[in-house]
């Protein structure tokens, strides 16, 4: 069986950035301050995909699928407890490939003539 699919998608993002910044003031010792930016959000977008599934035994099948998800462009604002906030622009797209093995429980539907 060959199939296609499409529809709405959502993703829960947890973004973070850890680093250090050197604060240099003339005639004073250099101070190194840690950066700890983080943010979380839920994004809504769209998805399309194609796949193929093969029946290999009476109750078993194998499948392969490709999905593309797009969540558009948006600004992410990171907040540091000491230095405040910083924003960056992000375009989020996801390509995923899935492989699977399926087992069908029970006898299934029996045609009636």
C-alpha atoms as a PDB file:
ATOM      1  CA  UNK A   1       0.000   0.000   0.000  1.00  0.00           C
ATOM      2  CA  UNK A   2       1.304   3.452  -0.891  1.00  0.00           C
ATOM      3  CA  UNK A   3      -0.136   6.396   1.024  1.00  0.00           C
ATOM      4  CA  UNK A   4       0.179  10.124   1.576  1.00  0.00           C
ATOM      5  CA  UNK A   5      -0.832  12.287   4.490  1.00  0.00           C
ATOM      6  CA  UNK A   6      -1.003  15.903   5.517  1.00  0.00           C
ATOM      7  CA  UNK A   7      -2.346  18.128   8.233  1.00  0.00           C
ATOM      8  CA  UNK A   8      -1.568  20.194  11.295  1.00  0.00           C
ATOM      9  CA  UNK A   9       1.496  19.625  13.473  1.00  0.00           C
ATOM     10  CA  UNK A  10       2.748  20.949  16.764  1.00  0.00           C
ATOM     11  CA  UNK A  11       6.058  20.805  18.599  1.00  0.00           C
ATOM     12  CA  UNK A  12       7.187  21.601  22.133  1.00  0.00           C
ATOM     13  CA  UNK A  13      10.487  23.489  21.986  1.00  0.00           C
ATOM     14  CA  UNK A  14      12.939  23.840  24.848  1.00  0.00           C
ATOM     15  CA  UNK A  15      15.846  26.041  23.765  1.00  0.00           C
ATOM     16  CA  UNK A  16      18.896  26.924  25.799  1.00  0.00           C
ATOM     17  CA  UNK A  17      22.266  28.612  25.549  1.00  0.00           C
ATOM     18  CA  UNK A  18      25.034  28.335  28.135  1.00  0.00           C
ATOM     19  CA  UNK A  19      28.272  30.260  27.843  1.00  0.00           C
ATOM     20  CA  UNK A  20      30.459  32.967  29.300  1.00  0.00           C
ATOM     21  CA  UNK A  21      31.039  36.645  28.682  1.00  0.00           C
ATOM     22  CA  UNK A  22      34.111  38.611  29.681  1.00  0.00           C
ATOM     23  CA  UNK A  23      33.394  42.007  31.217  1.00  0.00           C
ATOM     24  CA  UNK A  24      36.366  44.280  30.599  1.00  0.00           C
ATOM     25  CA  UNK A  25      36.619  47.630  32.349  1.00  0.00           C
ATOM     26  CA  UNK A  26      39.835  49.626  31.929  1.00  0.00           C
ATOM     27  CA  UNK A  27      42.083  49.563  35.018  1.00  0.00           C
ATOM     28  CA  UNK A  28      39.954  46.854  36.691  1.00  0.00           C
ATOM     29  CA  UNK A  29      40.405  43.062  36.647  1.00  0.00           C
ATOM     30  CA  UNK A  30      38.511  41.215  33.910  1.00  0.00           C
ATOM     31  CA  UNK A  31      35.377  39.543  35.214  1.00  0.00           C
ATOM     32  CA  UNK A  32      33.976  36.426  33.532  1.00  0.00           C
ATOM     33  CA  UNK A  33      30.204  36.112  33.951  1.00  0.00           C
ATOM     34  CA  UNK A  34      28.218  32.992  33.056  1.00  0.00           C
ATOM     35  CA  UNK A  35      25.377  33.162  30.541  1.00  0.00           C
ATOM     36  CA  UNK A  36      22.363  30.958  31.041  1.00  0.00           C
ATOM     37  CA  UNK A  37      19.640  31.750  28.511  1.00  0.00           C
ATOM     38  CA  UNK A  38      16.599  29.479  28.226  1.00  0.00           C
ATOM     39  CA  UNK A  39      13.060  29.454  26.841  1.00  0.00           C
ATOM     40  CA  UNK A  40      10.174  27.040  26.193  1.00  0.00           C
ATOM     41  CA  UNK A  41       7.225  27.277  23.808  1.00  0.00           C
ATOM     42  CA  UNK A  42       4.706  25.263  21.811  1.00  0.00           C
ATOM     43  CA  UNK A  43       4.597  25.921  18.053  1.00  0.00           C
ATOM     44  CA  UNK A  44       1.886  25.013  15.534  1.00  0.00           C
ATOM     45  CA  UNK A  45       2.640  24.285  11.873  1.00  0.00           C
ATOM     46  CA  UNK A  46       1.835  21.852   9.062  1.00  0.00           C
ATOM     47  CA  UNK A  47       3.041  18.474   7.848  1.00  0.00           C
ATOM     48  CA  UNK A  48       3.019  16.329   4.695  1.00  0.00           C
ATOM     49  CA  UNK A  49       4.276  12.795   4.265  1.00  0.00           C
ATOM     50  CA  UNK A  50       4.428   9.732   2.047  1.00  0.00           C
ATOM     51  CA  UNK A  51       4.878   6.100   2.929  1.00  0.00           C
ATOM     52  CA  UNK A  52       4.669   2.506   1.831  1.00  0.00           C
ATOM     53  CA  UNK A  53       3.579  -0.586   3.765  1.00  0.00           C
ATOM     54  CA  UNK A  54       4.070  -4.242   2.781  1.00  0.00           C
ATOM     55  CA  UNK A  55       2.189  -7.251   4.171  1.00  0.00           C
ATOM     56  CA  UNK A  56       4.840  -9.938   4.757  1.00  0.00           C
ATOM     57  CA  UNK A  57       2.814 -12.558   6.653  1.00  0.00           C
ATOM     58  CA  UNK A  58      -0.866 -12.931   7.537  1.00  0.00           C
ATOM     59  CA  UNK A  59      -0.689 -10.633  10.580  1.00  0.00           C
ATOM     60  CA  UNK A  60       2.649  -8.857  10.012  1.00  0.00           C
ATOM     61  CA  UNK A  61       3.635  -5.897   7.838  1.00  0.00           C
ATOM     62  CA  UNK A  62       6.645  -3.575   7.496  1.00  0.00           C
ATOM     63  CA  UNK A  63       6.572   0.088   6.575  1.00  0.00           C
ATOM     64  CA  UNK A  64       8.718   3.064   5.678  1.00  0.00           C
ATOM     65  CA  UNK A  65       7.626   6.696   5.801  1.00  0.00           C
ATOM     66  CA  UNK A  66       8.999  10.204   5.170  1.00  0.00           C
ATOM     67  CA  UNK A  67       7.450  13.254   6.848  1.00  0.00           C
ATOM     68  CA  UNK A  68       8.217  16.966   6.432  1.00  0.00           C
ATOM     69  CA  UNK A  69       7.112  19.405   9.151  1.00  0.00           C
ATOM     70  CA  UNK A  70       7.274  23.214   8.879  1.00  0.00           C
ATOM     71  CA  UNK A  71       6.773  25.572  11.805  1.00  0.00           C
ATOM     72  CA  UNK A  72       7.697  28.805   9.990  1.00  0.00           C
ATOM     73  CA  UNK A  73       9.882  31.672  11.161  1.00  0.00           C
ATOM     74  CA  UNK A  74       9.693  33.181  14.609  1.00  0.00           C
ATOM     75  CA  UNK A  75      11.741  35.139  17.129  1.00  0.00           C
ATOM     76  CA  UNK A  76      13.034  33.287  20.178  1.00  0.00           C
ATOM     77  CA  UNK A  77      13.748  35.423  23.228  1.00  0.00           C
ATOM     78  CA  UNK A  78      16.271  33.998  25.693  1.00  0.00           C
ATOM     79  CA  UNK A  79      16.244  35.315  29.246  1.00  0.00           C
ATOM     80  CA  UNK A  80      19.253  35.385  31.561  1.00  0.00           C
ATOM     81  CA  UNK A  81      18.653  36.056  35.269  1.00  0.00           C
ATOM     82  CA  UNK A  82      21.443  38.670  35.396  1.00  0.00           C
ATOM     83  CA  UNK A  83      21.928  40.091  31.904  1.00  0.00           C
ATOM     84  CA  UNK A  84      18.291  40.284  30.777  1.00  0.00           C
ATOM     85  CA  UNK A  85      17.017  39.011  27.436  1.00  0.00           C
ATOM     86  CA  UNK A  86      18.295  38.502  23.885  1.00  0.00           C
ATOM     87  CA  UNK A  87      16.290  37.621  20.746  1.00  0.00           C
ATOM     88  CA  UNK A  88      17.243  35.560  17.688  1.00  0.00           C
ATOM     89  CA  UNK A  89      15.244  34.651  14.569  1.00  0.00           C
ATOM     90  CA  UNK A  90      14.657  30.944  13.876  1.00  0.00           C
ATOM     91  CA  UNK A  91      13.220  28.999  10.919  1.00  0.00           C
ATOM     92  CA  UNK A  92      12.139  25.566  12.090  1.00  0.00           C
ATOM     93  CA  UNK A  93      11.714  22.686   9.627  1.00  0.00           C
ATOM     94  CA  UNK A  94      11.925  18.994  10.446  1.00  0.00           C
ATOM     95  CA  UNK A  95      12.506  16.062   8.072  1.00  0.00           C
ATOM     96  CA  UNK A  96      11.982  12.625   9.574  1.00  0.00           C
ATOM     97  CA  UNK A  97      12.178   9.074   8.279  1.00  0.00           C
ATOM     98  CA  UNK A  98      10.344   6.261  10.043  1.00  0.00           C
ATOM     99  CA  UNK A  99      10.599   2.501   9.709  1.00  0.00           C
ATOM    100  CA  UNK A 100       8.255   0.120  11.485  1.00  0.00           C
ATOM    101  CA  UNK A 101       6.940  -3.369  11.970  1.00  0.00           C
ATOM    102  CA  UNK A 102       3.195  -3.806  12.543  1.00  0.00           C
ATOM    103  CA  UNK A 103       1.239  -6.690  14.012  1.00  0.00           C
ATOM    104  CA  UNK A 104      -2.529  -6.903  13.437  1.00  0.00           C
ATOM    105  CA  UNK A 105      -4.375  -8.473  16.389  1.00  0.00           C
ATOM    106  CA  UNK A 106      -7.385 -10.700  15.752  1.00  0.00           C
ATOM    107  CA  UNK A 107      -8.819 -12.154  12.575  1.00  0.00           C
ATOM    108  CA  UNK A 108      -9.905  -8.796  11.169  1.00  0.00           C
ATOM    109  CA  UNK A 109     -13.071  -8.220   9.214  1.00  0.00           C
ATOM    110  CA  UNK A 110     -14.515 -11.167   7.328  1.00  0.00           C
ATOM    111  CA  UNK A 111     -16.297 -10.283   4.064  1.00  0.00           C
ATOM    112  CA  UNK A 112     -19.960 -11.278   3.899  1.00  0.00           C
ATOM    113  CA  UNK A 113     -21.402 -12.241   0.474  1.00  0.00           C
END
